[in-house]
Amino acid sequence: MDYQFINAGVNGSTAYDVLQRLEGVIACQPEFIVILVGLNDAAAKIAPDLAKKNVKLAQQLEKPSLLVYEKNLALIVSRLKAETSAKIGLLSLPVVGENLFSKANKEIDQYNEVIKKTAEMTNVSYLPFNEKLKAYLKGKGHTRGRTLKTGTKLYEKAIIEHFVYGYSLDRISARNGYLLLTDGVHLNSTAGMMAAHQIELFLKKNELKAIQ
């Protein structure tokens, strides 16, 4: 089966931002919708300096928090279910930094519990992206890798190396001592392909159900 993909994602978005622009997604009346949102919600607590670079945070009516995220995610799914016939998949959030025992990753775990609970309560698919990343790091004996730096230096350095010097994301990742991330937050090609694989499985599973 051939698919036409529409990327409705916007860099720096929180769940609140996604909720404000659902009209465009609904207008497409897609057969499938995959949602990956929450990292910028969590950033307000785990990486405030990075979060400050997201000017849209100031436009939110409520300060980002786990409870606000849970409410907004539920509203997103509820509206998409009500106004489209799409099969919906929720990707769990990726790791932040590659020390799985860090405070930042413990915080991300809480957001992923919300995603899993929301998927169960709304009867949509949960796509275990975070779990696959963790399994990969465990397989490499790399569970206590580089911890996320809450400042912006590594993030800004990665942008310059990629867009000015033309370094690949994988080269930046290796230079910074990561296996799956470039700057502690954004994915390299290995992690990106793992996300793509989760989406592929989701599409194939629902395609098979349609045939049956």
C-alpha atoms as a PDB file:
ATOM      1  CA  MET A   1       0.000   0.000   0.000  1.00  0.00           C
ATOM      2  CA  ASP A   2       1.284   3.461  -0.893  1.00  0.00           C
ATOM      3  CA  TYR A   3       1.106   6.263   1.648  1.00  0.00           C
ATOM      4  CA  GLN A   4       1.133  10.008   1.337  1.00  0.00           C
ATOM      5  CA  PHE A   5       2.752  11.510   4.431  1.00  0.00           C
ATOM      6  CA  ILE A   6       1.946  14.989   5.728  1.00  0.00           C
ATOM      7  CA  ASN A   7       4.257  16.429   8.365  1.00  0.00           C
ATOM      8  CA  ALA A   8       2.112  18.652  10.568  1.00  0.00           C
ATOM      9  CA  GLY A   9       4.797  18.959  13.232  1.00  0.00           C
ATOM     10  CA  VAL A  10       6.278  22.339  14.176  1.00  0.00           C
ATOM     11  CA  ASN A  11       9.589  22.644  15.983  1.00  0.00           C
ATOM     12  CA  GLY A  12       9.258  23.721  19.606  1.00  0.00           C
ATOM     13  CA  SER A  13       5.599  22.756  19.982  1.00  0.00           C
ATOM     14  CA  THR A  14       3.983  21.768  23.244  1.00  0.00           C
ATOM     15  CA  ALA A  15       0.746  19.792  23.514  1.00  0.00           C
ATOM     16  CA  TYR A  16      -1.035  23.118  23.954  1.00  0.00           C
ATOM     17  CA  ASP A  17       0.362  24.354  20.627  1.00  0.00           C
ATOM     18  CA  VAL A  18      -0.721  21.183  18.851  1.00  0.00           C
ATOM     19  CA  LEU A  19      -4.214  21.559  20.272  1.00  0.00           C
ATOM     20  CA  GLN A  20      -4.464  25.059  18.768  1.00  0.00           C
ATOM     21  CA  ARG A  21      -3.706  23.916  15.220  1.00  0.00           C
ATOM     22  CA  LEU A  22      -5.736  20.723  14.845  1.00  0.00           C
ATOM     23  CA  GLU A  23      -7.974  22.306  12.211  1.00  0.00           C
ATOM     24  CA  GLY A  24      -5.355  21.759   9.503  1.00  0.00           C
ATOM     25  CA  VAL A  25      -4.940  18.096  10.415  1.00  0.00           C
ATOM     26  CA  ILE A  26      -8.684  17.501  10.583  1.00  0.00           C
ATOM     27  CA  ALA A  27      -9.169  19.168   7.195  1.00  0.00           C
ATOM     28  CA  CYS A  28      -6.918  16.509   5.625  1.00  0.00           C
ATOM     29  CA  GLN A  29      -9.150  13.718   6.958  1.00  0.00           C
ATOM     30  CA  PRO A  30      -6.173  11.335   7.221  1.00  0.00           C
ATOM     31  CA  GLU A  31      -6.505   7.576   7.581  1.00  0.00           C
ATOM     32  CA  PHE A  32      -3.738   7.487  10.194  1.00  0.00           C
ATOM     33  CA  ILE A  33      -2.376  10.017  12.673  1.00  0.00           C
ATOM     34  CA  VAL A  34       0.848   9.555  14.651  1.00  0.00           C
ATOM     35  CA  ILE A  35       1.496  11.965  17.505  1.00  0.00           C
ATOM     36  CA  LEU A  36       4.830  12.647  19.184  1.00  0.00           C
ATOM     37  CA  VAL A  37       4.509  15.574  21.571  1.00  0.00           C
ATOM     38  CA  GLY A  38       5.534  16.311  25.133  1.00  0.00           C
ATOM     39  CA  LEU A  39       9.269  16.851  25.117  1.00  0.00           C
ATOM     40  CA  ASN A  40       8.838  20.632  25.069  1.00  0.00           C
ATOM     41  CA  ASP A  41       6.274  20.384  27.859  1.00  0.00           C
ATOM     42  CA  ALA A  42       8.790  18.464  29.966  1.00  0.00           C
ATOM     43  CA  ALA A  43      11.629  20.833  29.022  1.00  0.00           C
ATOM     44  CA  ALA A  44      10.129  23.593  31.126  1.00  0.00           C
ATOM     45  CA  LYS A  45      11.208  21.579  34.172  1.00  0.00           C
ATOM     46  CA  ILE A  46      14.172  19.462  33.060  1.00  0.00           C
ATOM     47  CA  ALA A  47      15.897  21.986  30.759  1.00  0.00           C
ATOM     48  CA  PRO A  48      14.552  25.493  31.490  1.00  0.00           C
ATOM     49  CA  ASP A  49      17.284  27.267  29.513  1.00  0.00           C
ATOM     50  CA  LEU A  50      16.333  25.312  26.410  1.00  0.00           C
ATOM     51  CA  ALA A  51      12.649  25.895  27.101  1.00  0.00           C
ATOM     52  CA  LYS A  52      13.201  29.659  27.214  1.00  0.00           C
ATOM     53  CA  LYS A  53      14.221  29.499  23.570  1.00  0.00           C
ATOM     54  CA  ASN A  54      10.691  28.382  22.787  1.00  0.00           C
ATOM     55  CA  VAL A  55       8.915  31.757  22.763  1.00  0.00           C
ATOM     56  CA  LYS A  56       5.530  30.076  22.310  1.00  0.00           C
ATOM     57  CA  LEU A  57       5.641  28.952  25.942  1.00  0.00           C
ATOM     58  CA  ALA A  58       4.828  32.513  26.938  1.00  0.00           C
ATOM     59  CA  GLN A  59       1.570  32.307  24.961  1.00  0.00           C
ATOM     60  CA  GLN A  60       0.224  29.365  26.941  1.00  0.00           C
ATOM     61  CA  LEU A  61      -2.633  30.075  29.303  1.00  0.00           C
ATOM     62  CA  GLU A  62      -1.240  27.630  31.846  1.00  0.00           C
ATOM     63  CA  LYS A  63       2.362  27.009  32.828  1.00  0.00           C
ATOM     64  CA  PRO A  64       3.574  23.682  31.357  1.00  0.00           C
ATOM     65  CA  SER A  65       3.314  20.827  33.837  1.00  0.00           C
ATOM     66  CA  LEU A  66       2.573  17.116  33.815  1.00  0.00           C
ATOM     67  CA  LEU A  67      -1.094  17.706  34.686  1.00  0.00           C
ATOM     68  CA  VAL A  68      -1.516  20.374  32.000  1.00  0.00           C
ATOM     69  CA  TYR A  69       0.134  18.066  29.491  1.00  0.00           C
ATOM     70  CA  GLU A  70      -2.175  15.192  30.418  1.00  0.00           C
ATOM     71  CA  LYS A  71      -5.231  17.390  29.941  1.00  0.00           C
ATOM     72  CA  ASN A  72      -4.079  18.767  26.589  1.00  0.00           C
ATOM     73  CA  LEU A  73      -3.045  15.371  25.225  1.00  0.00           C
ATOM     74  CA  ALA A  74      -6.447  13.935  26.120  1.00  0.00           C
ATOM     75  CA  LEU A  75      -8.152  16.868  24.383  1.00  0.00           C
ATOM     76  CA  ILE A  76      -6.030  16.340  21.260  1.00  0.00           C
ATOM     77  CA  VAL A  77      -6.935  12.676  21.013  1.00  0.00           C
ATOM     78  CA  SER A  78     -10.589  13.301  21.867  1.00  0.00           C
ATOM     79  CA  ARG A  79     -11.034  15.887  19.150  1.00  0.00           C
ATOM     80  CA  LEU A  80      -9.192  13.862  16.493  1.00  0.00           C
ATOM     81  CA  LYS A  81     -11.348  10.835  17.299  1.00  0.00           C
ATOM     82  CA  ALA A  82     -14.519  12.904  17.139  1.00  0.00           C
ATOM     83  CA  GLU A  83     -13.736  14.769  13.926  1.00  0.00           C
ATOM     84  CA  THR A  84     -11.797  12.184  11.882  1.00  0.00           C
ATOM     85  CA  SER A  85     -12.001   8.449  11.290  1.00  0.00           C
ATOM     86  CA  ALA A  86      -8.222   8.102  11.574  1.00  0.00           C
ATOM     87  CA  LYS A  87      -6.427   5.344  13.401  1.00  0.00           C
ATOM     88  CA  ILE A  88      -4.318   7.162  15.999  1.00  0.00           C
ATOM     89  CA  GLY A  89      -0.932   6.199  17.408  1.00  0.00           C
ATOM     90  CA  LEU A  90       0.846   7.885  20.322  1.00  0.00           C
ATOM     91  CA  LEU A  91       4.638   7.593  20.324  1.00  0.00           C
ATOM     92  CA  SER A  92       6.302   7.572  23.723  1.00  0.00           C
ATOM     93  CA  LEU A  93       8.871  10.339  24.222  1.00  0.00           C
ATOM     94  CA  PRO A  94      12.545   9.643  23.529  1.00  0.00           C
ATOM     95  CA  VAL A  95      15.252   9.579  26.175  1.00  0.00           C
ATOM     96  CA  VAL A  96      16.899  12.871  27.114  1.00  0.00           C
ATOM     97  CA  GLY A  97      20.592  12.356  27.506  1.00  0.00           C
ATOM     98  CA  GLU A  98      21.768   8.760  27.629  1.00  0.00           C
ATOM     99  CA  ASN A  99      22.008   8.258  31.381  1.00  0.00           C
ATOM    100  CA  LEU A 100      18.819   6.273  31.951  1.00  0.00           C
ATOM    101  CA  PHE A 101      19.060   6.832  35.710  1.00  0.00           C
ATOM    102  CA  SER A 102      19.166  10.635  35.502  1.00  0.00           C
ATOM    103  CA  LYS A 103      16.500  12.907  36.983  1.00  0.00           C
ATOM    104  CA  ALA A 104      15.652  14.089  33.474  1.00  0.00           C
ATOM    105  CA  ASN A 105      14.862  10.586  32.241  1.00  0.00           C
ATOM    106  CA  LYS A 106      12.888   9.821  35.377  1.00  0.00           C
ATOM    107  CA  GLU A 107      10.807  12.891  34.553  1.00  0.00           C
ATOM    108  CA  ILE A 108      10.343  11.709  30.968  1.00  0.00           C
ATOM    109  CA  ASP A 109       9.190   8.349  32.333  1.00  0.00           C
ATOM    110  CA  GLN A 110       6.307  10.144  34.065  1.00  0.00           C
ATOM    111  CA  TYR A 111       5.251  11.769  30.798  1.00  0.00           C
ATOM    112  CA  ASN A 112       5.387   8.414  29.061  1.00  0.00           C
ATOM    113  CA  GLU A 113       3.143   6.913  31.718  1.00  0.00           C
ATOM    114  CA  VAL A 114       0.636   9.640  30.877  1.00  0.00           C
ATOM    115  CA  ILE A 115       0.911   8.802  27.172  1.00  0.00           C
ATOM    116  CA  LYS A 116       0.378   5.104  27.852  1.00  0.00           C
ATOM    117  CA  LYS A 117      -2.586   5.800  30.133  1.00  0.00           C
ATOM    118  CA  THR A 118      -4.133   8.168  27.592  1.00  0.00           C
ATOM    119  CA  ALA A 119      -3.764   5.567  24.841  1.00  0.00           C
ATOM    120  CA  GLU A 120      -5.476   2.943  27.000  1.00  0.00           C
ATOM    121  CA  MET A 121      -8.314   5.219  28.108  1.00  0.00           C
ATOM    122  CA  THR A 122      -9.056   6.482  24.593  1.00  0.00           C
ATOM    123  CA  ASN A 123      -8.522   3.129  22.856  1.00  0.00           C
ATOM    124  CA  VAL A 124      -5.737   4.306  20.541  1.00  0.00           C
ATOM    125  CA  SER A 125      -2.373   2.688  19.852  1.00  0.00           C
ATOM    126  CA  TYR A 126       0.664   3.183  22.082  1.00  0.00           C
ATOM    127  CA  LEU A 127       3.964   3.044  20.188  1.00  0.00           C
ATOM    128  CA  PRO A 128       6.861   2.197  22.567  1.00  0.00           C
ATOM    129  CA  PHE A 129       9.576   4.384  21.053  1.00  0.00           C
ATOM    130  CA  ASN A 130      11.206   5.253  24.393  1.00  0.00           C
ATOM    131  CA  GLU A 131      11.286   1.597  25.382  1.00  0.00           C
ATOM    132  CA  LYS A 132      13.070   0.647  22.147  1.00  0.00           C
ATOM    133  CA  LEU A 133      15.693   3.363  22.672  1.00  0.00           C
ATOM    134  CA  LYS A 134      16.312   2.143  26.212  1.00  0.00           C
ATOM    135  CA  ALA A 135      16.619  -1.454  25.002  1.00  0.00           C
ATOM    136  CA  TYR A 136      19.168  -0.348  22.415  1.00  0.00           C
ATOM    137  CA  LEU A 137      21.269   1.475  25.015  1.00  0.00           C
ATOM    138  CA  LYS A 138      21.047  -1.492  27.382  1.00  0.00           C
ATOM    139  CA  GLY A 139      22.171  -3.798  24.580  1.00  0.00           C
ATOM    140  CA  LYS A 140      25.212  -1.590  24.047  1.00  0.00           C
ATOM    141  CA  GLY A 141      26.013  -1.466  27.779  1.00  0.00           C
ATOM    142  CA  HIS A 142      25.450   2.279  27.604  1.00  0.00           C
ATOM    143  CA  THR A 143      22.796   2.932  30.260  1.00  0.00           C
ATOM    144  CA  ARG A 144      24.901   5.502  32.110  1.00  0.00           C
ATOM    145  CA  GLY A 145      25.953   7.585  29.150  1.00  0.00           C
ATOM    146  CA  ARG A 146      26.230  11.328  28.915  1.00  0.00           C
ATOM    147  CA  THR A 147      23.603  13.151  31.017  1.00  0.00           C
ATOM    148  CA  LEU A 148      21.516  15.902  29.443  1.00  0.00           C
ATOM    149  CA  LYS A 149      23.094  19.324  29.877  1.00  0.00           C
ATOM    150  CA  THR A 150      20.402  21.846  30.750  1.00  0.00           C
ATOM    151  CA  GLY A 151      22.206  24.779  29.132  1.00  0.00           C
ATOM    152  CA  THR A 152      22.055  25.726  25.459  1.00  0.00           C
ATOM    153  CA  LYS A 153      25.743  25.434  24.529  1.00  0.00           C
ATOM    154  CA  LEU A 154      25.612  21.915  23.085  1.00  0.00           C
ATOM    155  CA  TYR A 155      22.340  22.644  21.267  1.00  0.00           C
ATOM    156  CA  GLU A 156      23.730  25.816  19.672  1.00  0.00           C
ATOM    157  CA  LYS A 157      26.991  24.069  18.780  1.00  0.00           C
ATOM    158  CA  ALA A 158      25.081  21.264  17.030  1.00  0.00           C
ATOM    159  CA  ILE A 159      23.076  23.779  14.985  1.00  0.00           C
ATOM    160  CA  ILE A 160      26.253  25.513  13.784  1.00  0.00           C
ATOM    161  CA  GLU A 161      27.993  22.235  12.974  1.00  0.00           C
ATOM    162  CA  HIS A 162      25.016  20.936  11.001  1.00  0.00           C
ATOM    163  CA  PHE A 163      23.761  24.018   9.161  1.00  0.00           C
ATOM    164  CA  VAL A 164      27.015  25.979   8.774  1.00  0.00           C
ATOM    165  CA  TYR A 165      29.685  23.290   8.484  1.00  0.00           C
ATOM    166  CA  GLY A 166      27.426  20.626   7.009  1.00  0.00           C
ATOM    167  CA  TYR A 167      28.255  17.907   9.533  1.00  0.00           C
ATOM    168  CA  SER A 168      25.830  14.992   9.495  1.00  0.00           C
ATOM    169  CA  LEU A 169      23.690  14.426  12.566  1.00  0.00           C
ATOM    170  CA  ASP A 170      25.497  11.141  13.148  1.00  0.00           C
ATOM    171  CA  ARG A 171      28.887  12.853  13.062  1.00  0.00           C
ATOM    172  CA  ILE A 172      27.701  15.445  15.577  1.00  0.00           C
ATOM    173  CA  SER A 173      26.286  12.653  17.723  1.00  0.00           C
ATOM    174  CA  ALA A 174      29.612  10.799  17.774  1.00  0.00           C
ATOM    175  CA  ARG A 175      31.582  13.982  18.507  1.00  0.00           C
ATOM    176  CA  ASN A 176      29.331  14.650  21.506  1.00  0.00           C
ATOM    177  CA  GLY A 177      29.616  11.120  22.885  1.00  0.00           C
ATOM    178  CA  TYR A 178      26.059   9.968  22.181  1.00  0.00           C
ATOM    179  CA  LEU A 179      24.801   6.806  20.501  1.00  0.00           C
ATOM    180  CA  LEU A 180      21.255   7.974  19.705  1.00  0.00           C
ATOM    181  CA  LEU A 181      21.171  11.740  20.221  1.00  0.00           C
ATOM    182  CA  THR A 182      23.001  14.718  18.758  1.00  0.00           C
ATOM    183  CA  ASP A 183      22.866  17.236  21.611  1.00  0.00           C
ATOM    184  CA  GLY A 184      21.134  15.286  24.352  1.00  0.00           C
ATOM    185  CA  VAL A 185      17.651  16.001  22.998  1.00  0.00           C
ATOM    186  CA  HIS A 186      17.452  15.687  19.224  1.00  0.00           C
ATOM    187  CA  LEU A 187      17.746  12.343  17.447  1.00  0.00           C
ATOM    188  CA  ASN A 188      20.460  11.046  15.146  1.00  0.00           C
ATOM    189  CA  SER A 189      19.652   8.746  12.210  1.00  0.00           C
ATOM    190  CA  THR A 190      19.767   5.561  14.309  1.00  0.00           C
ATOM    191  CA  ALA A 191      17.096   6.841  16.698  1.00  0.00           C
ATOM    192  CA  GLY A 192      15.153   8.399  13.840  1.00  0.00           C
ATOM    193  CA  MET A 193      14.953   5.060  12.042  1.00  0.00           C
ATOM    194  CA  MET A 194      13.765   3.423  15.254  1.00  0.00           C
ATOM    195  CA  ALA A 195      10.907   5.922  15.405  1.00  0.00           C
ATOM    196  CA  ALA A 196      10.154   5.257  11.735  1.00  0.00           C
ATOM    197  CA  HIS A 197      10.068   1.527  12.434  1.00  0.00           C
ATOM    198  CA  GLN A 198       7.481   1.993  15.183  1.00  0.00           C
ATOM    199  CA  ILE A 199       5.321   3.988  12.780  1.00  0.00           C
ATOM    200  CA  GLU A 200       5.751   1.345  10.075  1.00  0.00           C
ATOM    201  CA  LEU A 201       4.602  -1.387  12.466  1.00  0.00           C
ATOM    202  CA  PHE A 202       1.585   0.721  13.445  1.00  0.00           C
ATOM    203  CA  LEU A 203       0.576   1.219   9.799  1.00  0.00           C
ATOM    204  CA  LYS A 204       1.050  -2.432   8.877  1.00  0.00           C
ATOM    205  CA  LYS A 205      -0.891  -3.656  11.901  1.00  0.00           C
ATOM    206  CA  ASN A 206      -3.887  -1.472  11.071  1.00  0.00           C
ATOM    207  CA  GLU A 207      -3.618  -2.254   7.370  1.00  0.00           C
ATOM    208  CA  LEU A 208      -3.843  -5.963   8.215  1.00  0.00           C
ATOM    209  CA  LYS A 209      -6.895  -5.367  10.409  1.00  0.00           C
ATOM    210  CA  ALA A 210      -8.567  -3.534   7.512  1.00  0.00           C
ATOM    211  CA  ILE A 211      -7.966  -6.500   5.192  1.00  0.00           C
ATOM    212  CA  GLN A 212      -9.372  -8.932   7.725  1.00  0.00           C
END
